[in-house]
Amino acid sequence: MVFIKNYYVYLLTNWNNRVIYAGVTNDLNRRIYEHKNKLIEGFSKKYNLTKLVYFEETSDINAAIAREKEIKKWRREKKDKLVSQTNPNWQDLSEGLKDFSLRSK
């Protein structure tokens, strides 16, 4: 039996969409829980980045890391366009994720 792992590149923002954070994870539900509950010190905690506005999924960790680095180098306008193409109202996509708010650490 072959086990395929999924990896996610994601973008978070704050309540007024002023700051964007790009990250990569192998468990999107867990990672969003950590961001929303401010369990990890750093940029997303400092700027209250809890709104998931974009994510991509891949089974290749190297591709996920490369994509995250690529997006981090982009100008803000290009990141905004990426989000707006799939999420024009910049809604919090984490509301559609299963059980993230109920997960314990």
PDB file of N, CA and C in Angstrom:
ATOM      1  N   MET A   1       0.841  -1.183   0.000  1.00  0.00           N
ATOM      2  CA  MET A   1       0.000   0.000   0.000  1.00  0.00           C
ATOM      3  C   MET A   1       0.887   1.249   0.000  1.00  0.00           C
ATOM      4  N   VAL A   2       0.633   2.143  -0.900  1.00  0.00           N
ATOM      5  CA  VAL A   2       1.390   3.381  -1.011  1.00  0.00           C
ATOM      6  C   VAL A   2       0.626   4.489  -0.300  1.00  0.00           C
ATOM      7  N   PHE A   3       1.324   5.182   0.591  1.00  0.00           N
ATOM      8  CA  PHE A   3       0.725   6.297   1.320  1.00  0.00           C
ATOM      9  C   PHE A   3       1.169   7.598   0.667  1.00  0.00           C
ATOM     10  N   ILE A   4       0.206   8.369   0.203  1.00  0.00           N
ATOM     11  CA  ILE A   4       0.511   9.652  -0.434  1.00  0.00           C
ATOM     12  C   ILE A   4       0.203  10.772   0.549  1.00  0.00           C
ATOM     13  N   LYS A   5       1.194  11.589   0.796  1.00  0.00           N
ATOM     14  CA  LYS A   5       1.039  12.716   1.713  1.00  0.00           C
ATOM     15  C   LYS A   5       0.746  13.970   0.905  1.00  0.00           C
ATOM     16  N   ASN A   6      -0.085  14.812   1.432  1.00  0.00           N
ATOM     17  CA  ASN A   6      -0.408  16.069   0.774  1.00  0.00           C
ATOM     18  C   ASN A   6       0.254  17.226   1.510  1.00  0.00           C
ATOM     19  N   TYR A   7       0.624  18.224   0.737  1.00  0.00           N
ATOM     20  CA  TYR A   7       1.249  19.431   1.273  1.00  0.00           C
ATOM     21  C   TYR A   7       0.466  20.634   0.751  1.00  0.00           C
ATOM     22  N   TYR A   8       0.464  21.684   1.527  1.00  0.00           N
ATOM     23  CA  TYR A   8      -0.332  22.860   1.198  1.00  0.00           C
ATOM     24  C   TYR A   8       0.520  24.116   1.260  1.00  0.00           C
ATOM     25  N   VAL A   9       0.358  24.955   0.262  1.00  0.00           N
ATOM     26  CA  VAL A   9       0.899  26.309   0.268  1.00  0.00           C
ATOM     27  C   VAL A   9      -0.317  27.192   0.518  1.00  0.00           C
ATOM     28  N   TYR A  10      -0.209  28.106   1.466  1.00  0.00           N
ATOM     29  CA  TYR A  10      -1.392  28.884   1.844  1.00  0.00           C
ATOM     30  C   TYR A  10      -1.038  30.340   2.086  1.00  0.00           C
ATOM     31  N   LEU A  11      -2.058  31.177   1.981  1.00  0.00           N
ATOM     32  CA  LEU A  11      -1.917  32.604   2.270  1.00  0.00           C
ATOM     33  C   LEU A  11      -2.898  32.982   3.369  1.00  0.00           C
ATOM     34  N   LEU A  12      -2.393  33.698   4.345  1.00  0.00           N
ATOM     35  CA  LEU A  12      -3.207  34.238   5.435  1.00  0.00           C
ATOM     36  C   LEU A  12      -3.179  35.750   5.359  1.00  0.00           C
ATOM     37  N   THR A  13      -4.217  36.358   5.901  1.00  0.00           N
ATOM     38  CA  THR A  13      -4.240  37.807   6.028  1.00  0.00           C
ATOM     39  C   THR A  13      -4.923  38.163   7.343  1.00  0.00           C
ATOM     40  N   ASN A  14      -4.980  39.455   7.629  1.00  0.00           N
ATOM     41  CA  ASN A  14      -5.645  39.908   8.845  1.00  0.00           C
ATOM     42  C   ASN A  14      -7.071  40.360   8.510  1.00  0.00           C
ATOM     43  N   TRP A  15      -7.765  40.892   9.484  1.00  0.00           N
ATOM     44  CA  TRP A  15      -9.185  41.226   9.327  1.00  0.00           C
ATOM     45  C   TRP A  15      -9.442  42.221   8.199  1.00  0.00           C
ATOM     46  N   ASN A  16      -8.501  43.127   7.929  1.00  0.00           N
ATOM     47  CA  ASN A  16      -8.722  44.126   6.878  1.00  0.00           C
ATOM     48  C   ASN A  16      -7.874  43.883   5.628  1.00  0.00           C
ATOM     49  N   ASN A  17      -7.291  42.693   5.523  1.00  0.00           N
ATOM     50  CA  ASN A  17      -6.536  42.266   4.327  1.00  0.00           C
ATOM     51  C   ASN A  17      -5.309  43.133   4.042  1.00  0.00           C
ATOM     52  N   ARG A  18      -4.740  43.736   5.056  1.00  0.00           N
ATOM     53  CA  ARG A  18      -3.601  44.632   4.856  1.00  0.00           C
ATOM     54  C   ARG A  18      -2.249  43.913   4.812  1.00  0.00           C
ATOM     55  N   VAL A  19      -2.151  42.785   5.508  1.00  0.00           N
ATOM     56  CA  VAL A  19      -0.883  42.063   5.608  1.00  0.00           C
ATOM     57  C   VAL A  19      -1.103  40.645   5.086  1.00  0.00           C
ATOM     58  N   ILE A  20      -0.152  40.123   4.315  1.00  0.00           N
ATOM     59  CA  ILE A  20      -0.256  38.761   3.785  1.00  0.00           C
ATOM     60  C   ILE A  20       0.933  37.928   4.240  1.00  0.00           C
ATOM     61  N   TYR A  21       0.646  36.684   4.585  1.00  0.00           N
ATOM     62  CA  TYR A  21       1.665  35.718   4.987  1.00  0.00           C
ATOM     63  C   TYR A  21       1.536  34.487   4.109  1.00  0.00           C
ATOM     64  N   ALA A  22       2.643  33.990   3.584  1.00  0.00           N
ATOM     65  CA  ALA A  22       2.662  32.740   2.809  1.00  0.00           C
ATOM     66  C   ALA A  22       3.330  31.665   3.652  1.00  0.00           C
ATOM     67  N   GLY A  23       2.726  30.490   3.668  1.00  0.00           N
ATOM     68  CA  GLY A  23       3.287  29.391   4.434  1.00  0.00           C
ATOM     69  C   GLY A  23       3.109  28.073   3.714  1.00  0.00           C
ATOM     70  N   VAL A  24       3.727  27.026   4.266  1.00  0.00           N
ATOM     71  CA  VAL A  24       3.607  25.679   3.721  1.00  0.00           C
ATOM     72  C   VAL A  24       3.426  24.721   4.899  1.00  0.00           C
ATOM     73  N   THR A  25       2.616  23.687   4.711  1.00  0.00           N
ATOM     74  CA  THR A  25       2.343  22.725   5.773  1.00  0.00           C
ATOM     75  C   THR A  25       1.919  21.393   5.184  1.00  0.00           C
ATOM     76  N   ASN A  26       1.989  20.363   6.003  1.00  0.00           N
ATOM     77  CA  ASN A  26       1.479  19.060   5.582  1.00  0.00           C
ATOM     78  C   ASN A  26       0.120  18.760   6.214  1.00  0.00           C
ATOM     79  N   ASP A  27      -0.380  19.674   7.043  1.00  0.00           N
ATOM     80  CA  ASP A  27      -1.690  19.508   7.687  1.00  0.00           C
ATOM     81  C   ASP A  27      -2.337  20.885   7.799  1.00  0.00           C
ATOM     82  N   LEU A  28      -3.141  21.217   6.812  1.00  0.00           N
ATOM     83  CA  LEU A  28      -3.718  22.565   6.747  1.00  0.00           C
ATOM     84  C   LEU A  28      -4.649  22.832   7.925  1.00  0.00           C
ATOM     85  N   ASN A  29      -5.462  21.851   8.295  1.00  0.00           N
ATOM     86  CA  ASN A  29      -6.367  22.043   9.439  1.00  0.00           C
ATOM     87  C   ASN A  29      -5.597  22.375  10.710  1.00  0.00           C
ATOM     88  N   ARG A  30      -4.575  21.595  11.001  1.00  0.00           N
ATOM     89  CA  ARG A  30      -3.777  21.828  12.208  1.00  0.00           C
ATOM     90  C   ARG A  30      -3.097  23.188  12.169  1.00  0.00           C
ATOM     91  N   ARG A  31      -2.530  23.517  11.027  1.00  0.00           N
ATOM     92  CA  ARG A  31      -1.775  24.769  10.911  1.00  0.00           C
ATOM     93  C   ARG A  31      -2.684  25.981  11.065  1.00  0.00           C
ATOM     94  N   ILE A  32      -3.868  25.930  10.482  1.00  0.00           N
ATOM     95  CA  ILE A  32      -4.811  27.042  10.634  1.00  0.00           C
ATOM     96  C   ILE A  32      -5.248  27.164  12.091  1.00  0.00           C
ATOM     97  N   TYR A  33      -5.466  26.032  12.733  1.00  0.00           N
ATOM     98  CA  TYR A  33      -5.798  26.045  14.162  1.00  0.00           C
ATOM     99  C   TYR A  33      -4.689  26.756  14.945  1.00  0.00           C
ATOM    100  N   GLU A  34      -3.441  26.424  14.643  1.00  0.00           N
ATOM    101  CA  GLU A  34      -2.316  27.044  15.333  1.00  0.00           C
ATOM    102  C   GLU A  34      -2.269  28.550  15.100  1.00  0.00           C
ATOM    103  N   HIS A  35      -2.534  28.971  13.864  1.00  0.00           N
ATOM    104  CA  HIS A  35      -2.544  30.412  13.570  1.00  0.00           C
ATOM    105  C   HIS A  35      -3.689  31.102  14.312  1.00  0.00           C
ATOM    106  N   LYS A  36      -4.880  30.544  14.231  1.00  0.00           N
ATOM    107  CA  LYS A  36      -6.047  31.184  14.844  1.00  0.00           C
ATOM    108  C   LYS A  36      -5.936  31.270  16.363  1.00  0.00           C
ATOM    109  N   ASN A  37      -5.264  30.305  16.958  1.00  0.00           N
ATOM    110  CA  ASN A  37      -5.118  30.286  18.412  1.00  0.00           C
ATOM    111  C   ASN A  37      -3.772  30.824  18.881  1.00  0.00           C
ATOM    112  N   LYS A  38      -3.011  31.382  17.931  1.00  0.00           N
ATOM    113  CA  LYS A  38      -1.734  32.050  18.216  1.00  0.00           C
ATOM    114  C   LYS A  38      -0.788  31.167  19.029  1.00  0.00           C
ATOM    115  N   LEU A  39      -0.662  29.919  18.593  1.00  0.00           N
ATOM    116  CA  LEU A  39       0.176  28.952  19.294  1.00  0.00           C
ATOM    117  C   LEU A  39       1.634  29.011  18.861  1.00  0.00           C
ATOM    118  N   ILE A  40       1.911  29.650  17.736  1.00  0.00           N
ATOM    119  CA  ILE A  40       3.267  29.726  17.204  1.00  0.00           C
ATOM    120  C   ILE A  40       3.724  31.191  17.218  1.00  0.00           C
ATOM    121  N   GLU A  41       4.880  31.439  17.837  1.00  0.00           N
ATOM    122  CA  GLU A  41       5.440  32.790  17.848  1.00  0.00           C
ATOM    123  C   GLU A  41       5.897  33.162  16.437  1.00  0.00           C
ATOM    124  N   GLY A  42       5.791  34.430  16.090  1.00  0.00           N
ATOM    125  CA  GLY A  42       6.322  34.875  14.815  1.00  0.00           C
ATOM    126  C   GLY A  42       5.440  35.892  14.116  1.00  0.00           C
ATOM    127  N   PHE A  43       5.668  36.007  12.828  1.00  0.00           N
ATOM    128  CA  PHE A  43       5.034  37.023  11.993  1.00  0.00           C
ATOM    129  C   PHE A  43       3.508  36.963  12.048  1.00  0.00           C
ATOM    130  N   SER A  44       2.949  35.763  11.883  1.00  0.00           N
ATOM    131  CA  SER A  44       1.486  35.661  11.837  1.00  0.00           C
ATOM    132  C   SER A  44       0.846  36.014  13.177  1.00  0.00           C
ATOM    133  N   LYS A  45       1.501  35.690  14.271  1.00  0.00           N
ATOM    134  CA  LYS A  45       0.983  36.058  15.587  1.00  0.00           C
ATOM    135  C   LYS A  45       1.095  37.568  15.802  1.00  0.00           C
ATOM    136  N   LYS A  46       2.253  38.120  15.448  1.00  0.00           N
ATOM    137  CA  LYS A  46       2.505  39.549  15.636  1.00  0.00           C
ATOM    138  C   LYS A  46       1.475  40.413  14.906  1.00  0.00           C
ATOM    139  N   TYR A  47       1.122  40.002  13.678  1.00  0.00           N
ATOM    140  CA  TYR A  47       0.209  40.797  12.857  1.00  0.00           C
ATOM    141  C   TYR A  47      -1.214  40.257  12.828  1.00  0.00           C
ATOM    142  N   ASN A  48      -1.533  39.316  13.722  1.00  0.00           N
ATOM    143  CA  ASN A  48      -2.883  38.768  13.863  1.00  0.00           C
ATOM    144  C   ASN A  48      -3.417  38.216  12.534  1.00  0.00           C
ATOM    145  N   LEU A  49      -2.622  37.395  11.877  1.00  0.00           N
ATOM    146  CA  LEU A  49      -2.993  36.819  10.584  1.00  0.00           C
ATOM    147  C   LEU A  49      -3.711  35.497  10.818  1.00  0.00           C
ATOM    148  N   THR A  50      -5.022  35.525  10.710  1.00  0.00           N
ATOM    149  CA  THR A  50      -5.826  34.341  11.026  1.00  0.00           C
ATOM    150  C   THR A  50      -6.815  33.980   9.922  1.00  0.00           C
ATOM    151  N   LYS A  51      -6.868  34.764   8.873  1.00  0.00           N
ATOM    152  CA  LYS A  51      -7.850  34.549   7.812  1.00  0.00           C
ATOM    153  C   LYS A  51      -7.200  33.855   6.622  1.00  0.00           C
ATOM    154  N   LEU A  52      -7.605  32.613   6.377  1.00  0.00           N
ATOM    155  CA  LEU A  52      -7.098  31.841   5.241  1.00  0.00           C
ATOM    156  C   LEU A  52      -7.820  32.312   3.982  1.00  0.00           C
ATOM    157  N   VAL A  53      -7.068  32.870   3.030  1.00  0.00           N
ATOM    158  CA  VAL A  53      -7.698  33.399   1.825  1.00  0.00           C
ATOM    159  C   VAL A  53      -7.317  32.646   0.554  1.00  0.00           C
ATOM    160  N   TYR A  54      -6.317  31.760   0.665  1.00  0.00           N
ATOM    161  CA  TYR A  54      -5.875  31.017  -0.525  1.00  0.00           C
ATOM    162  C   TYR A  54      -5.071  29.805  -0.083  1.00  0.00           C
ATOM    163  N   PHE A  55      -5.227  28.694  -0.819  1.00  0.00           N
ATOM    164  CA  PHE A  55      -4.333  27.557  -0.617  1.00  0.00           C
ATOM    165  C   PHE A  55      -4.269  26.704  -1.863  1.00  0.00           C
ATOM    166  N   GLU A  56      -3.144  26.020  -2.019  1.00  0.00           N
ATOM    167  CA  GLU A  56      -2.913  25.061  -3.097  1.00  0.00           C
ATOM    168  C   GLU A  56      -2.505  23.754  -2.449  1.00  0.00           C
ATOM    169  N   GLU A  57      -2.782  22.650  -3.107  1.00  0.00           N
ATOM    170  CA  GLU A  57      -2.423  21.331  -2.595  1.00  0.00           C
ATOM    171  C   GLU A  57      -1.540  20.600  -3.598  1.00  0.00           C
ATOM    172  N   THR A  58      -0.547  19.872  -3.091  1.00  0.00           N
ATOM    173  CA  THR A  58       0.335  19.067  -3.931  1.00  0.00           C
ATOM    174  C   THR A  58       0.809  17.865  -3.131  1.00  0.00           C
ATOM    175  N   SER A  59       1.261  16.842  -3.809  1.00  0.00           N
ATOM    176  CA  SER A  59       1.824  15.676  -3.126  1.00  0.00           C
ATOM    177  C   SER A  59       3.354  15.728  -3.108  1.00  0.00           C
ATOM    178  N   ASP A  60       3.921  16.788  -3.618  1.00  0.00           N
ATOM    179  CA  ASP A  60       5.383  16.934  -3.725  1.00  0.00           C
ATOM    180  C   ASP A  60       5.872  18.040  -2.790  1.00  0.00           C
ATOM    181  N   ILE A  61       6.560  17.651  -1.720  1.00  0.00           N
ATOM    182  CA  ILE A  61       7.031  18.631  -0.738  1.00  0.00           C
ATOM    183  C   ILE A  61       7.988  19.634  -1.359  1.00  0.00           C
ATOM    184  N   ASN A  62       8.838  19.182  -2.263  1.00  0.00           N
ATOM    185  CA  ASN A  62       9.782  20.108  -2.899  1.00  0.00           C
ATOM    186  C   ASN A  62       9.051  21.151  -3.740  1.00  0.00           C
ATOM    187  N   ALA A  63       8.003  20.729  -4.422  1.00  0.00           N
ATOM    188  CA  ALA A  63       7.197  21.667  -5.209  1.00  0.00           C
ATOM    189  C   ALA A  63       6.490  22.663  -4.293  1.00  0.00           C
ATOM    190  N   ALA A  64       6.006  22.182  -3.150  1.00  0.00           N
ATOM    191  CA  ALA A  64       5.316  23.065  -2.198  1.00  0.00           C
ATOM    192  C   ALA A  64       6.269  24.122  -1.646  1.00  0.00           C
ATOM    193  N   ILE A  65       7.453  23.704  -1.259  1.00  0.00           N
ATOM    194  CA  ILE A  65       8.439  24.642  -0.719  1.00  0.00           C
ATOM    195  C   ILE A  65       8.870  25.653  -1.780  1.00  0.00           C
ATOM    196  N   ALA A  66       9.083  25.167  -3.000  1.00  0.00           N
ATOM    197  CA  ALA A  66       9.478  26.069  -4.096  1.00  0.00           C
ATOM    198  C   ALA A  66       8.376  27.086  -4.385  1.00  0.00           C
ATOM    199  N   ARG A  67       7.126  26.629  -4.368  1.00  0.00           N
ATOM    200  CA  ARG A  67       5.995  27.522  -4.637  1.00  0.00           C
ATOM    201  C   ARG A  67       5.867  28.577  -3.539  1.00  0.00           C
ATOM    202  N   GLU A  68       6.030  28.170  -2.288  1.00  0.00           N
ATOM    203  CA  GLU A  68       5.971  29.125  -1.182  1.00  0.00           C
ATOM    204  C   GLU A  68       7.047  30.197  -1.357  1.00  0.00           C
ATOM    205  N   LYS A  69       8.259  29.781  -1.672  1.00  0.00           N
ATOM    206  CA  LYS A  69       9.359  30.738  -1.873  1.00  0.00           C
ATOM    207  C   LYS A  69       9.076  31.663  -3.054  1.00  0.00           C
ATOM    208  N   GLU A  70       8.503  31.098  -4.116  1.00  0.00           N
ATOM    209  CA  GLU A  70       8.149  31.905  -5.290  1.00  0.00           C
ATOM    210  C   GLU A  70       7.139  32.987  -4.914  1.00  0.00           C
ATOM    211  N   ILE A  71       6.076  32.586  -4.224  1.00  0.00           N
ATOM    212  CA  ILE A  71       5.024  33.538  -3.845  1.00  0.00           C
ATOM    213  C   ILE A  71       5.569  34.597  -2.893  1.00  0.00           C
ATOM    214  N   LYS A  72       6.427  34.201  -1.962  1.00  0.00           N
ATOM    215  CA  LYS A  72       6.989  35.170  -1.010  1.00  0.00           C
ATOM    216  C   LYS A  72       7.793  36.267  -1.707  1.00  0.00           C
ATOM    217  N   LYS A  73       8.359  35.969  -2.865  1.00  0.00           N
ATOM    218  CA  LYS A  73       9.144  36.963  -3.606  1.00  0.00           C
ATOM    219  C   LYS A  73       8.276  37.927  -4.410  1.00  0.00           C
ATOM    220  N   TRP A  74       7.014  37.579  -4.604  1.00  0.00           N
ATOM    221  CA  TRP A  74       6.134  38.412  -5.421  1.00  0.00           C
ATOM    222  C   TRP A  74       5.840  39.745  -4.755  1.00  0.00           C
ATOM    223  N   ARG A  75       5.537  40.735  -5.604  1.00  0.00           N
ATOM    224  CA  ARG A  75       5.022  42.012  -5.118  1.00  0.00           C
ATOM    225  C   ARG A  75       3.600  41.796  -4.596  1.00  0.00           C
ATOM    226  N   ARG A  76       3.161  42.691  -3.755  1.00  0.00           N
ATOM    227  CA  ARG A  76       1.836  42.572  -3.141  1.00  0.00           C
ATOM    228  C   ARG A  76       0.720  42.485  -4.186  1.00  0.00           C
ATOM    229  N   GLU A  77       0.815  43.240  -5.254  1.00  0.00           N
ATOM    230  CA  GLU A  77      -0.219  43.263  -6.280  1.00  0.00           C
ATOM    231  C   GLU A  77      -0.425  41.875  -6.898  1.00  0.00           C
ATOM    232  N   LYS A  78       0.655  41.153  -7.098  1.00  0.00           N
ATOM    233  CA  LYS A  78       0.566  39.824  -7.692  1.00  0.00           C
ATOM    234  C   LYS A  78      -0.070  38.827  -6.716  1.00  0.00           C
ATOM    235  N   LYS A  79       0.231  38.958  -5.448  1.00  0.00           N
ATOM    236  CA  LYS A  79      -0.400  38.110  -4.425  1.00  0.00           C
ATOM    237  C   LYS A  79      -1.897  38.409  -4.355  1.00  0.00           C
ATOM    238  N   ASP A  80      -2.241  39.685  -4.399  1.00  0.00           N
ATOM    239  CA  ASP A  80      -3.654  40.075  -4.380  1.00  0.00           C
ATOM    240  C   ASP A  80      -4.400  39.468  -5.565  1.00  0.00           C
ATOM    241  N   LYS A  81      -3.781  39.491  -6.733  1.00  0.00           N
ATOM    242  CA  LYS A  81      -4.408  38.940  -7.936  1.00  0.00           C
ATOM    243  C   LYS A  81      -4.608  37.426  -7.790  1.00  0.00           C
ATOM    244  N   LEU A  82      -3.628  36.733  -7.234  1.00  0.00           N
ATOM    245  CA  LEU A  82      -3.740  35.293  -7.017  1.00  0.00           C
ATOM    246  C   LEU A  82      -4.939  34.969  -6.127  1.00  0.00           C
ATOM    247  N   VAL A  83      -5.081  35.701  -5.043  1.00  0.00           N
ATOM    248  CA  VAL A  83      -6.211  35.485  -4.133  1.00  0.00           C
ATOM    249  C   VAL A  83      -7.517  35.821  -4.835  1.00  0.00           C
ATOM    250  N   SER A  84      -7.583  36.947  -5.486  1.00  0.00           N
ATOM    251  CA  SER A  84      -8.826  37.422  -6.105  1.00  0.00           C
ATOM    252  C   SER A  84      -9.328  36.515  -7.221  1.00  0.00           C
ATOM    253  N   GLN A  85      -8.430  35.795  -7.885  1.00  0.00           N
ATOM    254  CA  GLN A  85      -8.856  34.891  -8.957  1.00  0.00           C
ATOM    255  C   GLN A  85      -9.735  33.758  -8.437  1.00  0.00           C
ATOM    256  N   THR A  86      -9.447  33.257  -7.250  1.00  0.00           N
ATOM    257  CA  THR A  86     -10.220  32.132  -6.715  1.00  0.00           C
ATOM    258  C   THR A  86     -11.092  32.516  -5.526  1.00  0.00           C
ATOM    259  N   ASN A  87     -10.834  33.651  -4.928  1.00  0.00           N
ATOM    260  CA  ASN A  87     -11.573  34.087  -3.747  1.00  0.00           C
ATOM    261  C   ASN A  87     -11.793  35.600  -3.838  1.00  0.00           C
ATOM    262  N   PRO A  88     -12.636  36.042  -4.783  1.00  0.00           N
ATOM    263  CA  PRO A  88     -12.776  37.481  -5.053  1.00  0.00           C
ATOM    264  C   PRO A  88     -13.255  38.310  -3.865  1.00  0.00           C
ATOM    265  N   ASN A  89     -13.957  37.714  -2.934  1.00  0.00           N
ATOM    266  CA  ASN A  89     -14.436  38.459  -1.764  1.00  0.00           C
ATOM    267  C   ASN A  89     -13.514  38.319  -0.557  1.00  0.00           C
ATOM    268  N   TRP A  90     -12.401  37.645  -0.742  1.00  0.00           N
ATOM    269  CA  TRP A  90     -11.419  37.435   0.314  1.00  0.00           C
ATOM    270  C   TRP A  90     -12.073  36.867   1.578  1.00  0.00           C
ATOM    271  N   GLN A  91     -12.917  35.878   1.368  1.00  0.00           N
ATOM    272  CA  GLN A  91     -13.585  35.224   2.499  1.00  0.00           C
ATOM    273  C   GLN A  91     -12.614  34.301   3.217  1.00  0.00           C
ATOM    274  N   ASP A  92     -12.877  34.027   4.481  1.00  0.00           N
ATOM    275  CA  ASP A  92     -12.051  33.112   5.258  1.00  0.00           C
ATOM    276  C   ASP A  92     -12.382  31.680   4.848  1.00  0.00           C
ATOM    277  N   LEU A  93     -11.484  31.061   4.103  1.00  0.00           N
ATOM    278  CA  LEU A  93     -11.699  29.715   3.589  1.00  0.00           C
ATOM    279  C   LEU A  93     -11.593  28.658   4.678  1.00  0.00           C
ATOM    280  N   SER A  94     -11.058  29.019   5.821  1.00  0.00           N
ATOM    281  CA  SER A  94     -10.942  28.038   6.901  1.00  0.00           C
ATOM    282  C   SER A  94     -12.303  27.637   7.441  1.00  0.00           C
ATOM    283  N   GLU A  95     -13.314  28.456   7.207  1.00  0.00           N
ATOM    284  CA  GLU A  95     -14.653  28.105   7.659  1.00  0.00           C
ATOM    285  C   GLU A  95     -15.168  26.865   6.947  1.00  0.00           C
ATOM    286  N   GLY A  96     -14.610  26.550   5.779  1.00  0.00           N
ATOM    287  CA  GLY A  96     -15.002  25.353   5.047  1.00  0.00           C
ATOM    288  C   GLY A  96     -14.153  24.135   5.366  1.00  0.00           C
ATOM    289  N   LEU A  97     -13.125  24.306   6.195  1.00  0.00           N
ATOM    290  CA  LEU A  97     -12.285  23.174   6.571  1.00  0.00           C
ATOM    291  C   LEU A  97     -12.947  22.397   7.695  1.00  0.00           C
ATOM    292  N   LYS A  98     -12.729  21.119   7.705  1.00  0.00           N
ATOM    293  CA  LYS A  98     -13.382  20.276   8.699  1.00  0.00           C
ATOM    294  C   LYS A  98     -12.706  20.351  10.061  1.00  0.00           C
ATOM    295  N   ASP A  99     -13.472  20.577  11.068  1.00  0.00           N
ATOM    296  CA  ASP A  99     -13.082  20.406  12.475  1.00  0.00           C
ATOM    297  C   ASP A  99     -11.868  21.196  12.933  1.00  0.00           C
ATOM    298  N   PHE A 100     -11.373  22.161  12.162  1.00  0.00           N
ATOM    299  CA  PHE A 100     -10.151  22.837  12.607  1.00  0.00           C
ATOM    300  C   PHE A 100     -10.365  23.530  13.941  1.00  0.00           C
ATOM    301  N   SER A 101     -11.555  24.057  14.168  1.00  0.00           N
ATOM    302  CA  SER A 101     -11.789  24.822  15.382  1.00  0.00           C
ATOM    303  C   SER A 101     -11.972  23.920  16.607  1.00  0.00           C
ATOM    304  N   LEU A 102     -12.193  22.642  16.383  1.00  0.00           N
ATOM    305  CA  LEU A 102     -12.427  21.725  17.478  1.00  0.00           C
ATOM    306  C   LEU A 102     -11.192  20.923  17.849  1.00  0.00           C
ATOM    307  N   ARG A 103     -10.154  21.070  17.085  1.00  0.00           N
ATOM    308  CA  ARG A 103      -8.954  20.254  17.301  1.00  0.00           C
ATOM    309  C   ARG A 103      -8.191  20.719  18.521  1.00  0.00           C
ATOM    310  N   SER A 104      -7.710  19.773  19.261  1.00  0.00           N
ATOM    311  CA  SER A 104      -6.845  20.130  20.382  1.00  0.00           C
ATOM    312  C   SER A 104      -5.407  20.119  19.911  1.00  0.00           C
ATOM    313  N   LYS A 105      -4.571  20.788  20.621  1.00  0.00           N
ATOM    314  CA  LYS A 105      -3.156  20.898  20.225  1.00  0.00           C
ATOM    315  C   LYS A 105      -2.483  19.547  20.267  1.00  0.00           C
TER     316      LYS A 105
END
